[in-house]
Amino acid sequence: MKKTALASAIAASMAVAPALVSAANVVPETGSEVSRLAARMDALPEIYGNVQMIYTNADQEGFGGSRSQLTDYGYSTLGVRHSHEILPGVEAFGKLELQRFSPTEGTEKSSNTSIQVDEAYFGIRGDFGEVWVGSDDSQYEVLIGDYGNWYYEVAQSNFYANWTTGEDDLIQYVSPSFGGLTLHGVVQIDGSTERGDGQNRYPYQLGVKYQRDRFALVLAMDSNDGAANNENTYGARVDYTVNSALSLNAFYSTQKGDEAVAAVGEGVRDNPVTSFESYGTVAGSTGLGENLFGVQGIYAIGASRFTLSYEMEKDDVDGAGDGKRESTNITAQALHNVSDNLYVYVEALRRNDKEGNTYDSDYNELNIGGAYLF
């Protein structure tokens, strides 16, 4: 989250006000204390975060009926970040972000035992590009940008691209722009100690992005070498900004399935919504593979934004012998920025999943929520 204007103003007033009082009682030459104090305050790390609240009402045909809850889905975060110049033209930076505070899940101590590190890394940037080490969003995830991970505030029932090299123990690099062209690379240090099988794995991601004026094109791949299904994932994405209010994007992500892995990983009548078949390491263990396509439009007017998307997904192989799952999804969102620190939104989703003759299920979801940023 970016530091908001209000937070910056508050920080500035706290830093400068005491110094101004002090400066009023000394000779003019010592007024430089004001600028020195301001410089020291600027060198302090930035603390930021957000608190989110979401009411969800959902209904799923053939898989448990309706449900509702007030929650934050573990999205509320608290973080600290800092950067400073270490050499002329070279900047060092670092970030630590925690998530899963579960503010609506009760007052007992056990309600927040799930707090975990979401991002933790440090690195350097300069004319050579940017390189950093630690836990962060991977380049395939960022470049291809499926609608499960990005754009929507909840979106848990949207489809996820099958990338599995993520998000911990990463070394990442992004090159400087060469006439609008940037190169992206990631390697994961998947050591034998963490894997528990005595093997070292080094899955990697590669990507290239070309941006010119209002048009951007991305190509990326993930080796998936640390997953049970280690077939490569390939993706492409196009963005076009029509004008200051309207932008369009489309993406395609594909991975070949592994029938042997899928035969073990997929169960008969697995719930296609709650099992998250197409997300991260879950996709690697199910081995189903996928062909995923999405198209989206975003329209902004004043302090409001309206988003509409359509996605299609199909499994590459059939694991449980009950047919390949085919799914479609339509999601709409209306979001309004009440201030620099507060926004509210409404999201509606309609999804259909069909797997051979086993099921043909509709899923409807409504989310009403908001977030306070600091």
Protein backbone atom coordinates (compact mmCIF):
# COMPACT_ATOMS: atom_id res chain seq x y z
CA MET A 1 0.00 0.00 0.00
CA LYS A 2 1.26 3.49 -0.81
CA LYS A 3 1.65 6.03 1.91
CA THR A 4 -1.46 8.23 1.78
CA ALA A 5 -1.49 11.99 1.63
CA LEU A 6 -3.12 12.25 5.04
CA ALA A 7 -0.57 9.97 6.67
CA SER A 8 2.22 12.01 5.12
CA ALA A 9 0.68 15.23 6.37
CA ILE A 10 0.34 13.88 9.90
CA ALA A 11 3.94 12.64 9.91
CA ALA A 12 5.17 15.98 8.62
CA SER A 13 3.26 17.95 11.22
CA MET A 14 4.59 15.74 14.03
CA ALA A 15 8.15 16.18 12.80
CA VAL A 16 8.12 19.90 12.03
CA ALA A 17 5.89 21.39 14.72
CA PRO A 18 8.22 20.76 17.71
CA ALA A 19 11.16 22.00 15.69
CA LEU A 20 9.35 25.21 14.77
CA VAL A 21 8.60 25.91 18.42
CA SER A 22 12.25 25.36 19.26
CA ALA A 23 13.41 27.49 16.36
CA ALA A 24 11.28 30.42 17.52
CA ASN A 25 13.34 30.64 20.73
CA VAL A 26 16.84 30.61 19.23
CA VAL A 27 18.90 32.86 17.04
CA PRO A 28 18.22 32.61 13.27
CA GLU A 29 21.41 30.64 12.57
CA THR A 30 20.08 27.67 14.55
CA GLY A 31 16.96 27.50 12.42
CA SER A 32 18.82 24.85 10.42
CA GLU A 33 17.80 22.46 13.21
CA VAL A 34 14.39 22.37 11.55
CA SER A 35 15.78 20.99 8.30
CA ARG A 36 18.12 18.61 10.12
CA LEU A 37 15.25 17.21 12.16
CA ALA A 38 13.12 16.88 9.04
CA ALA A 39 15.96 15.00 7.35
CA ARG A 40 16.23 12.60 10.29
CA MET A 41 12.48 11.99 10.20
CA ASP A 42 12.67 11.28 6.47
CA ALA A 43 15.31 8.62 7.21
CA LEU A 44 12.97 6.68 9.50
CA PRO A 45 11.20 3.57 8.17
CA GLU A 46 7.63 3.97 6.93
CA ILE A 47 4.99 2.07 8.89
CA TYR A 48 1.81 1.33 6.97
CA GLY A 49 -1.13 -1.03 6.96
CA ASN A 50 -4.82 -1.54 6.39
CA VAL A 51 -7.87 -2.97 8.13
CA GLN A 52 -10.47 -4.65 5.93
CA MET A 53 -14.02 -5.80 6.59
CA ILE A 54 -16.08 -7.84 4.15
CA TYR A 55 -19.60 -9.26 4.29
CA THR A 56 -20.01 -12.25 1.97
CA ASN A 57 -23.21 -13.97 0.92
CA ALA A 58 -22.82 -16.95 -1.41
CA ASP A 59 -24.89 -19.78 -2.83
CA GLN A 60 -23.53 -22.89 -4.57
CA GLU A 61 -25.71 -25.40 -6.35
CA GLY A 62 -25.02 -28.98 -5.31
CA PHE A 63 -22.19 -28.22 -2.89
CA GLY A 64 -23.63 -27.14 0.43
CA GLY A 65 -26.12 -24.43 -0.49
CA SER A 66 -25.82 -20.90 0.89
CA ARG A 67 -23.45 -19.30 3.40
CA SER A 68 -22.71 -15.84 4.78
CA GLN A 69 -20.08 -14.31 7.04
CA LEU A 70 -18.39 -11.09 8.13
CA THR A 71 -14.61 -11.47 7.84
CA ASP A 72 -11.44 -9.99 6.40
CA TYR A 73 -10.25 -13.26 4.78
CA GLY A 74 -6.85 -12.58 6.33
CA TYR A 75 -6.34 -9.54 4.07
CA SER A 76 -5.67 -6.95 6.82
CA THR A 77 -1.97 -6.13 6.90
CA LEU A 78 0.71 -4.28 8.86
CA GLY A 79 4.09 -3.49 7.38
CA VAL A 80 7.28 -1.49 7.52
CA ARG A 81 9.55 -0.47 4.63
CA HIS A 82 12.61 1.68 4.12
CA SER A 83 15.08 2.74 1.44
CA HIS A 84 18.24 4.84 1.37
CA GLU A 85 21.12 5.70 -0.94
CA ILE A 86 24.26 3.64 -0.33
CA LEU A 87 26.27 4.89 -3.33
CA PRO A 88 25.65 7.65 -5.86
CA GLY A 89 22.80 6.34 -8.00
CA VAL A 90 22.41 3.12 -5.99
CA GLU A 91 19.60 2.65 -3.48
CA ALA A 92 19.09 -0.13 -0.93
CA PHE A 93 15.57 -1.06 0.15
CA GLY A 94 13.75 -3.51 2.41
CA LYS A 95 10.23 -4.46 3.42
CA LEU A 96 8.48 -6.62 6.03
CA GLU A 97 4.71 -7.14 5.85
CA LEU A 98 2.44 -9.24 8.08
CA GLN A 99 -1.07 -10.44 7.26
CA ARG A 100 -3.95 -12.61 8.58
CA PHE A 101 -4.85 -10.55 11.65
CA SER A 102 -8.47 -11.85 11.53
CA PRO A 103 -10.07 -8.81 13.25
CA THR A 104 -13.58 -10.29 13.08
CA GLU A 105 -12.79 -13.78 14.37
CA GLY A 106 -13.16 -13.23 18.10
CA THR A 107 -11.30 -11.77 21.07
CA GLU A 108 -9.51 -14.89 22.26
CA LYS A 109 -5.76 -15.04 21.81
CA SER A 110 -6.15 -18.11 19.62
CA SER A 111 -8.09 -16.10 17.05
CA ASN A 112 -4.90 -14.45 15.78
CA THR A 113 -2.45 -17.34 15.93
CA SER A 114 -2.50 -17.40 12.12
CA ILE A 115 -0.63 -14.09 11.72
CA GLN A 116 2.11 -14.71 9.18
CA VAL A 117 4.76 -12.99 7.10
CA ASP A 118 3.44 -12.11 3.65
CA GLU A 119 6.47 -10.27 2.30
CA ALA A 120 10.02 -9.98 3.66
CA TYR A 121 12.91 -8.96 1.43
CA PHE A 122 15.76 -6.53 0.79
CA GLY A 123 17.67 -5.52 -2.30
CA ILE A 124 19.34 -2.79 -4.33
CA ARG A 125 18.30 -0.76 -7.38
CA GLY A 126 20.07 1.57 -9.78
CA ASP A 127 20.87 2.07 -13.47
CA PHE A 128 21.57 -1.68 -13.67
CA GLY A 129 17.98 -2.50 -12.73
CA GLU A 130 16.64 -3.97 -9.51
CA VAL A 131 17.58 -7.15 -7.63
CA TRP A 132 16.12 -8.38 -4.35
CA VAL A 133 16.08 -11.50 -2.15
CA GLY A 134 13.37 -12.92 0.09
CA SER A 135 9.62 -13.48 0.05
CA ASP A 136 7.59 -11.42 -2.42
CA ASP A 137 5.12 -11.74 -5.30
CA SER A 138 6.83 -13.64 -8.11
CA GLN A 139 7.30 -12.20 -11.61
CA TYR A 140 4.88 -14.60 -13.34
CA GLU A 141 2.23 -13.64 -10.82
CA VAL A 142 2.85 -9.91 -11.30
CA LEU A 143 3.31 -9.90 -15.07
CA ILE A 144 0.38 -12.12 -16.10
CA GLY A 145 -1.93 -10.84 -13.38
CA ASP A 146 -4.86 -13.29 -13.20
CA TYR A 147 -8.14 -12.03 -11.72
CA GLY A 148 -7.92 -14.28 -8.67
CA ASN A 149 -4.81 -12.51 -7.37
CA TRP A 150 -5.31 -9.00 -8.71
CA TYR A 151 -7.87 -6.25 -9.37
CA TYR A 152 -10.70 -7.46 -7.16
CA GLU A 153 -10.83 -6.97 -3.41
CA VAL A 154 -12.14 -10.47 -2.65
CA ALA A 155 -12.19 -12.51 -5.87
CA GLN A 156 -11.48 -15.79 -4.09
CA SER A 157 -13.73 -17.63 -6.52
CA ASN A 158 -12.05 -16.28 -9.65
CA PHE A 159 -9.58 -18.53 -11.46
CA TYR A 160 -5.87 -18.56 -10.69
CA ALA A 161 -3.04 -19.17 -13.13
CA ASN A 162 -1.02 -22.35 -12.52
CA TRP A 163 2.29 -20.88 -11.38
CA THR A 164 4.00 -22.73 -8.53
CA THR A 165 7.37 -20.97 -8.13
CA GLY A 166 6.28 -18.58 -5.54
CA GLU A 167 6.54 -16.56 -3.17
CA ASP A 168 9.31 -17.46 -0.69
CA ASP A 169 13.10 -17.96 -0.95
CA LEU A 170 13.24 -15.98 -4.20
CA ILE A 171 16.03 -14.09 -5.93
CA GLN A 172 14.41 -11.68 -8.39
CA TYR A 173 15.74 -9.32 -11.04
CA VAL A 174 14.10 -6.68 -13.23
CA SER A 175 16.24 -4.92 -15.82
CA PRO A 176 16.17 -1.23 -16.66
CA SER A 177 13.98 -0.25 -19.61
CA PHE A 178 15.57 -0.62 -23.04
CA GLY A 179 13.30 1.55 -25.16
CA GLY A 180 10.23 0.23 -23.34
CA LEU A 181 11.52 -3.37 -23.05
CA THR A 182 12.24 -4.87 -19.61
CA LEU A 183 13.57 -8.34 -18.76
CA HIS A 184 12.43 -10.26 -15.68
CA GLY A 185 13.95 -13.27 -13.94
CA VAL A 186 13.32 -15.29 -10.77
CA VAL A 187 15.00 -18.30 -9.19
CA GLN A 188 13.74 -20.03 -6.06
CA ILE A 189 16.22 -21.65 -3.66
CA ASP A 190 14.12 -24.71 -2.82
CA GLY A 191 16.64 -26.42 -0.55
CA SER A 192 16.67 -30.00 0.68
CA THR A 193 16.21 -28.91 4.31
CA GLU A 194 12.86 -27.29 3.55
CA ARG A 195 11.68 -29.91 1.08
CA GLY A 196 12.30 -32.80 3.44
CA ASP A 197 13.12 -35.20 0.59
CA GLY A 198 16.88 -34.65 0.47
CA GLN A 199 16.72 -32.92 -2.92
CA ASN A 200 17.61 -29.40 -3.97
CA ARG A 201 15.37 -27.76 -6.55
CA TYR A 202 15.81 -24.43 -8.30
CA PRO A 203 12.57 -23.57 -10.10
CA TYR A 204 12.70 -20.38 -12.11
CA GLN A 205 10.59 -17.85 -13.98
CA LEU A 206 11.43 -15.74 -17.02
CA GLY A 207 9.52 -12.84 -18.48
CA VAL A 208 9.69 -9.95 -20.91
CA LYS A 209 7.52 -6.83 -21.01
CA TYR A 210 7.26 -4.24 -23.76
CA GLN A 211 5.45 -0.99 -23.07
CA ARG A 212 4.95 1.89 -25.47
CA ASP A 213 2.58 4.75 -24.83
CA ARG A 214 -0.82 3.24 -24.02
CA PHE A 215 0.02 -0.34 -25.06
CA ALA A 216 1.81 -3.12 -23.13
CA LEU A 217 2.62 -6.73 -24.05
CA VAL A 218 3.95 -9.40 -21.66
CA LEU A 219 5.29 -12.94 -22.19
CA ALA A 220 6.30 -15.11 -19.22
CA MET A 221 6.97 -18.69 -18.13
CA ASP A 222 7.36 -20.70 -14.91
CA SER A 223 9.42 -23.92 -14.82
CA ASN A 224 7.41 -25.33 -11.86
CA ASP A 225 10.43 -27.50 -11.04
CA GLY A 226 9.53 -27.70 -7.35
CA ALA A 227 6.01 -29.08 -7.89
CA ALA A 228 4.66 -32.59 -8.42
CA ASN A 229 3.44 -31.50 -11.86
CA ASN A 230 6.58 -29.83 -13.19
CA GLU A 231 5.31 -29.07 -16.68
CA ASN A 232 6.12 -25.48 -17.67
CA THR A 233 3.48 -22.77 -17.43
CA TYR A 234 3.35 -20.20 -20.24
CA GLY A 235 1.46 -16.93 -20.22
CA ALA A 236 0.77 -13.84 -22.32
CA ARG A 237 -0.92 -10.57 -21.47
CA VAL A 238 -2.00 -7.42 -23.31
CA ASP A 239 -2.96 -4.06 -21.77
CA TYR A 240 -4.39 -1.08 -23.61
CA THR A 241 -5.34 2.29 -22.13
CA VAL A 242 -8.11 3.67 -24.32
CA ASN A 243 -8.24 7.06 -22.60
CA SER A 244 -7.88 8.58 -19.13
CA ALA A 245 -11.02 6.77 -17.95
CA LEU A 246 -11.08 3.40 -19.75
CA SER A 247 -8.49 0.61 -19.80
CA LEU A 248 -8.69 -2.94 -21.18
CA ASN A 249 -6.61 -6.06 -20.58
CA ALA A 250 -6.59 -9.72 -21.58
CA PHE A 251 -4.41 -12.67 -20.55
CA TYR A 252 -3.85 -16.33 -21.38
CA SER A 253 -2.10 -18.91 -19.18
CA THR A 254 -1.56 -22.58 -19.98
CA GLN A 255 0.07 -25.62 -18.39
CA LYS A 256 0.11 -29.20 -19.61
CA GLY A 257 -1.37 -31.66 -17.12
CA ASP A 258 0.25 -34.77 -15.67
CA GLU A 259 -2.19 -37.69 -15.71
CA ALA A 260 -0.26 -39.72 -13.13
CA VAL A 261 -0.22 -36.83 -10.65
CA ALA A 262 -3.84 -35.93 -11.42
CA ALA A 263 -5.02 -39.49 -10.79
CA VAL A 264 -3.79 -39.12 -7.20
CA GLY A 265 -4.44 -35.43 -6.66
CA GLU A 266 -8.04 -35.05 -7.85
CA GLY A 267 -10.95 -36.60 -5.99
CA VAL A 268 -14.41 -37.40 -7.34
CA ARG A 269 -16.79 -34.47 -6.78
CA ASP A 270 -14.13 -32.18 -5.33
CA ASN A 271 -15.77 -28.82 -4.77
CA PRO A 272 -14.45 -26.72 -7.68
CA VAL A 273 -14.82 -23.44 -5.76
CA THR A 274 -13.47 -24.18 -2.27
CA SER A 275 -10.71 -26.57 -3.36
CA PHE A 276 -8.89 -23.78 -5.25
CA GLU A 277 -7.77 -26.30 -7.86
CA SER A 278 -5.98 -23.64 -9.87
CA TYR A 279 -4.02 -21.80 -7.20
CA GLY A 280 -0.32 -22.01 -6.49
CA THR A 281 1.03 -25.25 -5.07
CA VAL A 282 -2.46 -26.74 -5.06
CA ALA A 283 -2.34 -26.71 -8.84
CA GLY A 284 1.00 -28.47 -8.74
CA SER A 285 -0.27 -31.27 -6.51
CA THR A 286 -3.50 -31.90 -8.43
CA GLY A 287 -1.64 -32.16 -11.75
CA LEU A 288 -4.69 -31.19 -13.82
CA GLY A 289 -3.01 -28.47 -15.84
CA GLU A 290 -5.16 -25.77 -17.38
CA ASN A 291 -6.02 -23.47 -20.23
CA LEU A 292 -7.13 -20.14 -18.78
CA PHE A 293 -8.29 -17.01 -20.60
CA GLY A 294 -9.55 -13.72 -19.22
CA VAL A 295 -10.65 -10.33 -20.54
CA GLN A 296 -11.40 -7.26 -18.44
CA GLY A 297 -12.45 -3.62 -18.69
CA ILE A 298 -11.92 -0.92 -16.05
CA TYR A 299 -13.71 2.45 -16.13
CA ALA A 300 -12.81 5.21 -13.69
CA ILE A 301 -14.80 8.38 -13.13
CA GLY A 302 -13.97 10.80 -10.34
CA ALA A 303 -13.44 8.90 -7.09
CA SER A 304 -15.21 5.77 -8.39
CA ARG A 305 -14.08 2.77 -10.42
CA PHE A 306 -16.11 0.11 -12.22
CA THR A 307 -14.62 -3.23 -13.28
CA LEU A 308 -16.07 -6.09 -15.32
CA SER A 309 -14.34 -9.33 -16.36
CA TYR A 310 -15.01 -12.68 -18.01
CA GLU A 311 -12.87 -15.82 -17.62
CA MET A 312 -12.86 -19.32 -19.10
CA GLU A 313 -10.86 -22.23 -17.70
CA LYS A 314 -10.54 -25.88 -18.74
CA ASP A 315 -8.50 -28.65 -17.13
CA ASP A 316 -5.90 -30.18 -19.44
CA VAL A 317 -6.33 -33.77 -18.15
CA ASP A 318 -8.95 -35.78 -16.27
CA GLY A 319 -7.65 -37.08 -12.96
CA ALA A 320 -10.63 -38.73 -11.25
CA GLY A 321 -12.15 -40.24 -14.38
CA ASP A 322 -15.26 -38.06 -14.21
CA GLY A 323 -14.41 -35.67 -17.07
CA LYS A 324 -12.36 -32.53 -17.50
CA ARG A 325 -13.70 -29.58 -15.55
CA GLU A 326 -14.82 -26.62 -17.67
CA SER A 327 -15.59 -23.34 -15.92
CA THR A 328 -16.68 -19.80 -16.72
CA ASN A 329 -16.79 -16.77 -14.49
CA ILE A 330 -18.21 -13.23 -14.66
CA THR A 331 -17.20 -10.69 -12.00
CA ALA A 332 -18.30 -7.07 -11.57
CA GLN A 333 -17.12 -4.47 -9.07
CA ALA A 334 -18.07 -0.92 -8.10
CA LEU A 335 -15.52 0.80 -5.85
CA HIS A 336 -15.63 4.31 -4.37
CA ASN A 337 -12.79 6.17 -2.66
CA VAL A 338 -14.40 8.01 0.24
CA SER A 339 -11.05 9.66 1.04
CA ASP A 340 -7.34 9.00 0.63
CA ASN A 341 -7.59 6.57 3.55
CA LEU A 342 -10.96 4.87 3.09
CA TYR A 343 -12.68 3.07 0.24
CA VAL A 344 -15.83 0.94 -0.01
CA TYR A 345 -16.99 -1.48 -2.68
CA VAL A 346 -19.53 -4.00 -3.91
CA GLU A 347 -18.52 -7.10 -5.87
CA ALA A 348 -20.76 -9.66 -7.55
CA LEU A 349 -19.63 -12.93 -9.11
CA ARG A 350 -21.37 -15.66 -11.08
CA ARG A 351 -19.48 -18.85 -11.84
CA ASN A 352 -20.38 -22.11 -13.56
CA ASP A 353 -18.43 -25.38 -13.23
CA LYS A 354 -19.14 -28.49 -15.25
CA GLU A 355 -17.28 -31.80 -14.94
CA GLY A 356 -18.53 -34.47 -17.33
CA ASN A 357 -21.81 -35.93 -16.10
CA THR A 358 -20.76 -35.57 -12.45
CA TYR A 359 -22.01 -32.04 -11.87
CA ASP A 360 -23.09 -28.81 -13.56
CA SER A 361 -23.00 -26.28 -10.73
CA ASP A 362 -23.69 -22.55 -10.53
CA TYR A 363 -22.04 -20.42 -7.86
CA ASN A 364 -23.18 -16.89 -6.97
CA GLU A 365 -21.34 -14.58 -4.58
CA LEU A 366 -21.94 -11.04 -3.30
CA ASN A 367 -19.29 -9.14 -1.33
CA ILE A 368 -19.81 -5.77 0.37
CA GLY A 369 -16.74 -4.36 2.04
CA GLY A 370 -14.33 -1.59 2.78
CA ALA A 371 -10.75 -0.91 3.77
CA TYR A 372 -9.12 1.74 5.94
CA LEU A 373 -5.54 2.55 4.99
CA PHE A 374 -2.90 4.09 7.22
